[in-house]
Amino acid sequence: MLSLFVTFLGAFLTLIVMRPIANKIGLVDKPNYRKRHQGAIPLIGGVSLFMGNLCYYLMEWDQLRLPYLYIFSIFVLLAIGILDDRFDISPFLRAGIQAVLAILMIDLGNVYLDHLGQILGPFQLTLGSIGLIITVFATIAIINAFNMIDGIDGLLGGLSIVSFAAIGILMFRDGQMDMAYWSFALIVAILPYLLLNLGIPLGPKYKVFMGDAGSTLIGFTIIWILLLSTQGKGHPMNPVTALWIIAVPLIDMVAIIYRRLRKGKSPFRPDRLHVHHLMVRAGLTSRQAFLLITFFAAICATIGILGEVFYINEWAMFIAFIVLFFLYAYSITKAWKITRWVRRMKRRARRNKQ
């Protein structure tokens, strides 16, 4: 409990201390054609998360796995993220650095994707040496999935908390107490940012954003924990469960990249076609979209947990996830119909109130 308290305090105080510094050095997000917020918002959520996480690591250093490698990796991601938030560096450079960190994770930490479990039948799908390459691409993909989903207030924080909570529950269930407590500590480290990002309780004056520094840190931490918990002998979580735990960011990223490539656009070019943008365009408020998407992510994570608890066949869980993906993709292609239906329902609800 002391470690969790220090984690929360470290993250919260960082937000308070860094706010005037961010304004002074220009580490702020300004509104443009894609960003509809009011005024310049400090991009310090990542610094806060890093400091809160570091506080927990320093308190529990001997209980955590590969602490030097992990802290070094997230420090590099934080530094590059801050530079990107301030100067908007090349996405190819960022991806290259993420690939290097993935290689270090594989080489120095022996943390990599060795198998995919029994997703194709009653046998373990072992990857062999190709798993090393897949690990690098998976690391880049998950980091950017959480980076791309950060589009409306509260969403990145909410989805991250859902993922870490699901991981913590499964680790606790398996007796992996070090991983479980760390997952819960990460939630505690995110809470100060989430509250200020939503204007709770200090209002919009103290609003902060996570920035690329924070979203990449979250994505790397999640892939780090998922690899530790799904690989190796006696792993406490099946690989397919990881898909359900990060379902919303992963599916949205794959779908948005596919749509961009189909239209001949760069997959790195930002737009307003993410699921949260479509919901807001349909007439939902930003807060309603955040709550609805986070609730759906919690349902997906719960399905993953139940699959572990009741020992549901991994291939069945994988097929269900593929079905979910295609349902999402189909819904996006019919987004204009769904938008029209939502607006019609809202007009009908207003008329009924009158």
Protein backbone atom coordinates (compact mmCIF):
# COMPACT_ATOMS: atom_id res chain seq x y z
CA MET A 1 0.00 0.00 0.00
CA LEU A 2 2.90 2.36 0.72
CA SER A 3 4.33 1.69 -2.74
CA LEU A 4 0.97 2.42 -4.36
CA PHE A 5 0.60 5.64 -2.37
CA VAL A 6 4.09 6.80 -3.37
CA THR A 7 3.28 5.90 -6.99
CA PHE A 8 0.13 8.03 -6.98
CA LEU A 9 1.85 10.90 -5.20
CA GLY A 10 4.81 10.84 -7.58
CA ALA A 11 2.55 10.90 -10.64
CA PHE A 12 0.32 13.66 -9.25
CA LEU A 13 3.14 15.93 -8.07
CA THR A 14 4.83 15.56 -11.45
CA LEU A 15 1.73 16.95 -13.14
CA ILE A 16 1.72 19.95 -10.80
CA VAL A 17 5.45 20.66 -11.12
CA MET A 18 5.67 20.06 -14.87
CA ARG A 19 2.70 22.22 -15.83
CA PRO A 20 4.45 25.64 -15.77
CA ILE A 21 7.62 24.09 -17.23
CA ALA A 22 5.68 22.63 -20.16
CA ASN A 23 4.07 25.98 -20.89
CA LYS A 24 7.45 27.71 -20.74
CA ILE A 25 9.26 25.35 -23.13
CA GLY A 26 6.35 24.93 -25.53
CA LEU A 27 5.53 21.33 -24.64
CA VAL A 28 1.85 21.95 -25.32
CA ASP A 29 -0.79 20.78 -27.76
CA LYS A 30 -2.43 23.54 -29.79
CA PRO A 31 -5.79 23.17 -31.56
CA ASN A 32 -5.86 22.65 -35.34
CA TYR A 33 -8.13 21.15 -37.99
CA ARG A 34 -7.96 17.72 -36.28
CA LYS A 35 -7.81 18.87 -32.66
CA ARG A 36 -10.85 20.75 -31.41
CA HIS A 37 -9.82 21.50 -27.83
CA GLN A 38 -9.61 25.00 -26.41
CA GLY A 39 -6.23 26.63 -25.80
CA ALA A 40 -2.75 25.15 -25.40
CA ILE A 41 -2.80 21.99 -23.25
CA PRO A 42 0.40 20.72 -21.53
CA LEU A 43 1.61 17.36 -22.89
CA ILE A 44 2.89 16.02 -19.59
CA GLY A 45 0.85 12.88 -18.96
CA GLY A 46 3.75 10.74 -20.17
CA VAL A 47 6.21 12.37 -17.78
CA SER A 48 3.74 11.85 -14.94
CA LEU A 49 3.26 8.18 -15.81
CA PHE A 50 7.01 7.65 -16.08
CA MET A 51 7.66 9.20 -12.67
CA GLY A 52 4.84 7.29 -10.99
CA ASN A 53 6.07 4.06 -12.55
CA LEU A 54 9.65 4.85 -11.53
CA CYS A 55 8.54 5.48 -7.94
CA TYR A 56 6.97 2.03 -7.82
CA TYR A 57 10.07 0.43 -9.35
CA LEU A 58 12.36 2.06 -6.82
CA MET A 59 10.14 0.87 -3.98
CA GLU A 60 9.87 -2.71 -5.31
CA TRP A 61 13.10 -3.04 -7.28
CA ASP A 62 14.04 -6.53 -6.07
CA GLN A 63 10.56 -7.89 -6.82
CA LEU A 64 10.41 -6.89 -10.49
CA ARG A 65 11.81 -8.58 -13.56
CA LEU A 66 14.61 -7.06 -15.69
CA PRO A 67 14.30 -3.65 -14.01
CA TYR A 68 17.37 -2.05 -15.63
CA LEU A 69 16.32 -3.02 -19.17
CA TYR A 70 12.72 -1.90 -18.71
CA ILE A 71 13.57 1.46 -17.11
CA PHE A 72 16.14 2.17 -19.81
CA SER A 73 13.62 1.33 -22.54
CA ILE A 74 10.83 3.53 -21.23
CA PHE A 75 13.27 6.38 -20.55
CA VAL A 76 14.31 6.29 -24.21
CA LEU A 77 10.66 6.19 -25.29
CA LEU A 78 9.86 9.10 -22.96
CA ALA A 79 12.72 11.20 -24.36
CA ILE A 80 11.81 10.49 -27.98
CA GLY A 81 8.13 11.05 -27.22
CA ILE A 82 8.84 14.44 -25.65
CA LEU A 83 10.91 15.44 -28.67
CA ASP A 84 8.09 14.32 -30.94
CA ASP A 85 5.50 16.22 -28.91
CA ARG A 86 7.63 19.35 -29.08
CA PHE A 87 9.17 19.19 -32.56
CA ASP A 88 7.11 16.54 -34.45
CA ILE A 89 9.90 14.16 -35.51
CA SER A 90 9.64 11.60 -38.32
CA PRO A 91 7.40 8.57 -37.68
CA PHE A 92 10.01 6.39 -39.40
CA LEU A 93 12.65 7.51 -36.89
CA ARG A 94 10.29 6.74 -34.02
CA ALA A 95 9.51 3.31 -35.48
CA GLY A 96 13.24 2.63 -35.91
CA ILE A 97 13.95 3.44 -32.27
CA GLN A 98 11.03 1.25 -31.18
CA ALA A 99 12.48 -1.58 -33.28
CA VAL A 100 15.90 -1.17 -31.61
CA LEU A 101 14.30 -1.35 -28.16
CA ALA A 102 12.42 -4.47 -29.21
CA ILE A 103 15.71 -6.05 -30.32
CA LEU A 104 17.29 -5.16 -26.96
CA MET A 105 14.28 -6.70 -25.21
CA ILE A 106 14.85 -9.90 -27.19
CA ASP A 107 18.65 -10.00 -26.92
CA LEU A 108 19.25 -8.79 -23.37
CA GLY A 109 16.01 -9.83 -21.73
CA ASN A 110 15.20 -12.99 -23.68
CA VAL A 111 11.65 -11.66 -23.92
CA TYR A 112 10.07 -12.53 -27.26
CA LEU A 113 7.18 -14.28 -29.00
CA ASP A 114 8.09 -17.96 -29.09
CA HIS A 115 4.64 -19.45 -29.72
CA LEU A 116 1.01 -18.48 -30.38
CA GLY A 117 -0.54 -21.22 -28.29
CA GLN A 118 -3.24 -23.52 -29.66
CA ILE A 119 -5.02 -20.97 -31.85
CA LEU A 120 -5.25 -23.32 -34.86
CA GLY A 121 -6.11 -26.58 -33.13
CA PRO A 122 -5.04 -28.95 -30.33
CA PHE A 123 -1.34 -28.28 -30.85
CA GLN A 124 0.99 -25.44 -29.95
CA LEU A 125 1.92 -23.18 -32.86
CA THR A 126 5.64 -22.64 -32.31
CA LEU A 127 7.25 -19.79 -34.25
CA GLY A 128 10.94 -20.58 -33.94
CA SER A 129 13.34 -17.93 -35.22
CA ILE A 130 10.58 -16.10 -37.12
CA GLY A 131 9.12 -15.26 -33.72
CA LEU A 132 11.99 -12.81 -33.20
CA ILE A 133 10.96 -10.83 -36.27
CA ILE A 134 7.28 -10.99 -35.32
CA THR A 135 8.17 -9.69 -31.85
CA VAL A 136 9.78 -6.58 -33.34
CA PHE A 137 6.77 -5.84 -35.53
CA ALA A 138 4.33 -6.67 -32.72
CA THR A 139 6.13 -4.24 -30.40
CA ILE A 140 5.92 -1.43 -32.95
CA ALA A 141 2.28 -2.30 -33.68
CA ILE A 142 1.11 -2.31 -30.05
CA ILE A 143 2.99 0.89 -29.22
CA ASN A 144 1.35 2.67 -32.14
CA ALA A 145 -2.07 1.12 -31.49
CA PHE A 146 -2.22 2.89 -28.15
CA ASN A 147 -0.73 6.02 -29.68
CA MET A 148 -3.37 6.16 -32.41
CA ILE A 149 -6.35 5.57 -30.10
CA ASP A 150 -5.51 8.68 -28.05
CA GLY A 151 -8.02 11.00 -29.73
CA ILE A 152 -10.58 12.15 -27.17
CA ASP A 153 -10.47 13.01 -23.48
CA GLY A 154 -10.12 10.03 -21.17
CA LEU A 155 -9.98 7.34 -23.86
CA LEU A 156 -6.30 6.36 -23.65
CA GLY A 157 -6.42 6.40 -19.86
CA GLY A 158 -9.63 4.37 -19.76
CA LEU A 159 -8.46 1.72 -22.24
CA SER A 160 -5.07 1.44 -20.51
CA ILE A 161 -6.72 0.93 -17.14
CA VAL A 162 -8.96 -1.79 -18.62
CA SER A 163 -5.92 -3.62 -20.05
CA PHE A 164 -3.81 -3.34 -16.90
CA ALA A 165 -6.76 -4.36 -14.71
CA ALA A 166 -7.39 -7.47 -16.80
CA ILE A 167 -3.71 -8.40 -16.72
CA GLY A 168 -3.56 -7.77 -12.96
CA ILE A 169 -6.58 -9.99 -12.32
CA LEU A 170 -5.15 -12.85 -14.36
CA MET A 171 -1.71 -12.52 -12.75
CA PHE A 172 -3.27 -12.43 -9.27
CA ARG A 173 -5.33 -15.52 -10.11
CA ASP A 174 -2.18 -17.38 -11.16
CA GLY A 175 -0.21 -16.31 -8.09
CA GLN A 176 2.15 -14.03 -10.08
CA MET A 177 1.98 -11.38 -7.38
CA ASP A 178 4.86 -9.25 -8.63
CA MET A 179 3.20 -8.81 -12.04
CA ALA A 180 -0.24 -8.37 -10.48
CA TYR A 181 0.82 -5.60 -8.08
CA TRP A 182 2.80 -3.86 -10.83
CA SER A 183 -0.25 -3.89 -13.11
CA PHE A 184 -2.36 -2.32 -10.35
CA ALA A 185 0.42 0.20 -9.66
CA LEU A 186 0.32 1.26 -13.32
CA ILE A 187 -3.40 1.97 -12.92
CA VAL A 188 -2.61 4.09 -9.88
CA ALA A 189 0.06 5.96 -11.88
CA ILE A 190 -2.44 6.68 -14.69
CA LEU A 191 -5.24 7.92 -12.40
CA PRO A 192 -3.86 11.45 -11.72
CA TYR A 193 -3.51 12.08 -15.46
CA LEU A 194 -6.96 10.65 -16.20
CA LEU A 195 -8.65 12.81 -13.59
CA LEU A 196 -7.03 16.02 -14.81
CA ASN A 197 -7.58 15.07 -18.44
CA LEU A 198 -11.31 14.76 -17.71
CA GLY A 199 -11.36 17.94 -15.65
CA ILE A 200 -11.94 16.13 -12.36
CA PRO A 201 -11.99 17.75 -9.83
CA LEU A 202 -10.10 20.94 -10.77
CA GLY A 203 -11.94 21.74 -14.00
CA PRO A 204 -10.67 22.49 -17.55
CA LYS A 205 -8.11 25.03 -16.31
CA TYR A 206 -5.78 22.20 -15.20
CA LYS A 207 -6.40 19.94 -18.20
CA VAL A 208 -3.43 17.88 -19.46
CA PHE A 209 -2.83 15.53 -22.37
CA MET A 210 -0.82 12.31 -22.43
CA GLY A 211 1.13 13.08 -25.59
CA ASP A 212 3.15 10.63 -27.68
CA ALA A 213 5.58 10.22 -24.78
CA GLY A 214 2.85 8.68 -22.63
CA SER A 215 1.03 6.64 -25.25
CA THR A 216 4.23 4.96 -26.47
CA LEU A 217 5.27 4.26 -22.87
CA ILE A 218 1.89 2.61 -22.24
CA GLY A 219 2.04 0.55 -25.42
CA PHE A 220 5.57 -0.69 -24.72
CA THR A 221 4.69 -1.57 -21.12
CA ILE A 222 1.66 -3.56 -22.23
CA ILE A 223 3.57 -5.58 -24.85
CA TRP A 224 6.36 -6.11 -22.27
CA ILE A 225 3.93 -7.54 -19.70
CA LEU A 226 2.01 -9.59 -22.28
CA LEU A 227 5.20 -11.22 -23.55
CA LEU A 228 6.34 -12.02 -20.01
CA SER A 229 2.96 -13.54 -19.16
CA THR A 230 2.12 -15.46 -22.37
CA GLN A 231 5.50 -16.98 -23.24
CA GLY A 232 7.73 -19.54 -21.59
CA LYS A 233 6.89 -22.65 -19.61
CA GLY A 234 3.90 -22.47 -17.31
CA HIS A 235 2.81 -19.11 -18.71
CA PRO A 236 -0.13 -17.68 -16.71
CA MET A 237 -1.99 -16.40 -19.78
CA ASN A 238 -2.71 -17.79 -23.23
CA PRO A 239 -1.49 -15.67 -26.18
CA VAL A 240 -5.01 -15.39 -27.60
CA THR A 241 -6.17 -13.80 -24.34
CA ALA A 242 -3.79 -10.92 -25.01
CA LEU A 243 -5.82 -10.10 -28.14
CA TRP A 244 -8.98 -9.67 -26.08
CA ILE A 245 -7.21 -7.56 -23.47
CA ILE A 246 -6.09 -5.00 -26.08
CA ALA A 247 -8.96 -5.60 -28.52
CA VAL A 248 -10.15 -2.03 -29.12
CA PRO A 249 -6.78 -0.32 -29.81
CA LEU A 250 -5.58 -3.29 -31.88
CA ILE A 251 -8.69 -3.66 -34.04
CA ASP A 252 -9.04 0.08 -34.56
CA MET A 253 -5.39 0.38 -35.64
CA VAL A 254 -5.58 -2.49 -38.14
CA ALA A 255 -8.84 -1.20 -39.59
CA ILE A 256 -7.64 2.41 -39.91
CA ILE A 257 -4.34 1.40 -41.56
CA TYR A 258 -6.25 -0.79 -44.03
CA ARG A 259 -8.58 2.08 -44.94
CA ARG A 260 -5.67 4.48 -45.40
CA LEU A 261 -3.75 2.07 -47.63
CA ARG A 262 -6.86 1.29 -49.67
CA LYS A 263 -7.28 5.01 -50.34
CA GLY A 264 -3.64 5.33 -51.32
CA LYS A 265 -2.71 7.33 -48.21
CA SER A 266 0.23 6.88 -45.88
CA PRO A 267 -0.61 4.63 -42.88
CA PHE A 268 1.14 7.22 -40.70
CA ARG A 269 -0.97 10.13 -41.93
CA PRO A 270 -3.40 11.20 -39.17
CA ASP A 271 -7.10 11.61 -39.91
CA ARG A 272 -10.48 11.66 -38.16
CA LEU A 273 -11.69 8.17 -39.06
CA HIS A 274 -11.03 6.40 -35.76
CA VAL A 275 -13.92 4.83 -33.91
CA HIS A 276 -14.09 7.69 -31.40
CA HIS A 277 -14.24 10.27 -34.20
CA LEU A 278 -17.08 8.39 -35.87
CA MET A 279 -19.02 8.22 -32.62
CA VAL A 280 -18.66 11.95 -32.03
CA ARG A 281 -19.70 12.58 -35.63
CA ALA A 282 -22.76 10.40 -34.98
CA GLY A 283 -23.89 12.84 -32.33
CA LEU A 284 -22.40 11.46 -29.13
CA THR A 285 -20.50 13.80 -26.87
CA SER A 286 -16.80 13.21 -26.28
CA ARG A 287 -17.58 11.96 -22.75
CA GLN A 288 -20.28 9.58 -24.00
CA ALA A 289 -17.95 8.16 -26.67
CA PHE A 290 -15.21 7.67 -24.07
CA LEU A 291 -17.54 5.81 -21.72
CA LEU A 292 -19.06 3.66 -24.45
CA ILE A 293 -15.72 2.61 -25.99
CA THR A 294 -14.18 1.93 -22.58
CA PHE A 295 -17.23 -0.15 -21.60
CA PHE A 296 -16.90 -2.18 -24.80
CA ALA A 297 -13.18 -2.69 -24.12
CA ALA A 298 -14.05 -3.90 -20.61
CA ILE A 299 -16.48 -6.43 -22.11
CA CYS A 300 -13.76 -7.71 -24.46
CA ALA A 301 -11.26 -7.97 -21.60
CA THR A 302 -13.87 -9.81 -19.52
CA ILE A 303 -14.37 -12.31 -22.34
CA GLY A 304 -10.61 -12.89 -22.33
CA ILE A 305 -10.59 -13.43 -18.56
CA LEU A 306 -13.56 -15.82 -18.73
CA GLY A 307 -11.78 -17.76 -21.46
CA GLU A 308 -8.91 -18.33 -19.03
CA VAL A 309 -11.12 -19.09 -16.04
CA PHE A 310 -13.28 -21.65 -17.84
CA TYR A 311 -10.45 -23.08 -20.00
CA ILE A 312 -12.22 -22.34 -23.28
CA ASN A 313 -10.33 -23.72 -26.28
CA GLU A 314 -7.83 -21.20 -27.59
CA TRP A 315 -8.86 -21.81 -31.21
CA ALA A 316 -12.47 -21.00 -30.29
CA MET A 317 -11.38 -17.76 -28.61
CA PHE A 318 -9.30 -16.89 -31.67
CA ILE A 319 -12.19 -17.51 -34.08
CA ALA A 320 -14.44 -15.36 -31.88
CA PHE A 321 -11.88 -12.56 -32.00
CA ILE A 322 -11.66 -12.76 -35.81
CA VAL A 323 -15.46 -12.58 -35.98
CA LEU A 324 -15.35 -9.51 -33.73
CA PHE A 325 -12.80 -7.89 -36.03
CA PHE A 326 -14.88 -8.41 -39.16
CA LEU A 327 -18.03 -7.19 -37.40
CA TYR A 328 -16.15 -4.02 -36.50
CA ALA A 329 -14.80 -3.62 -40.04
CA TYR A 330 -18.28 -4.12 -41.50
CA SER A 331 -19.77 -1.61 -39.07
CA ILE A 332 -17.19 0.98 -40.10
CA THR A 333 -18.06 0.53 -43.78
CA LYS A 334 -21.68 1.22 -42.82
CA ALA A 335 -20.73 4.06 -40.48
CA TRP A 336 -22.92 6.58 -42.29
CA LYS A 337 -25.99 4.37 -41.76
CA ILE A 338 -25.14 3.89 -38.09
CA THR A 339 -24.58 7.63 -37.73
CA ARG A 340 -27.95 8.39 -39.27
CA TRP A 341 -29.65 5.81 -37.03
CA VAL A 342 -28.02 7.24 -33.86
CA ARG A 343 -29.06 10.78 -34.77
CA ARG A 344 -32.59 9.60 -35.47
CA MET A 345 -32.75 7.91 -32.06
CA LYS A 346 -31.48 11.07 -30.36
CA ARG A 347 -34.09 13.23 -32.11
CA ARG A 348 -36.81 10.76 -31.13
CA ALA A 349 -35.59 10.78 -27.51
CA ARG A 350 -35.70 14.60 -27.44
CA ARG A 351 -39.22 14.62 -28.84
CA ASN A 352 -40.35 12.11 -26.23
CA LYS A 353 -38.96 14.32 -23.46
CA GLN A 354 -40.89 17.27 -24.83
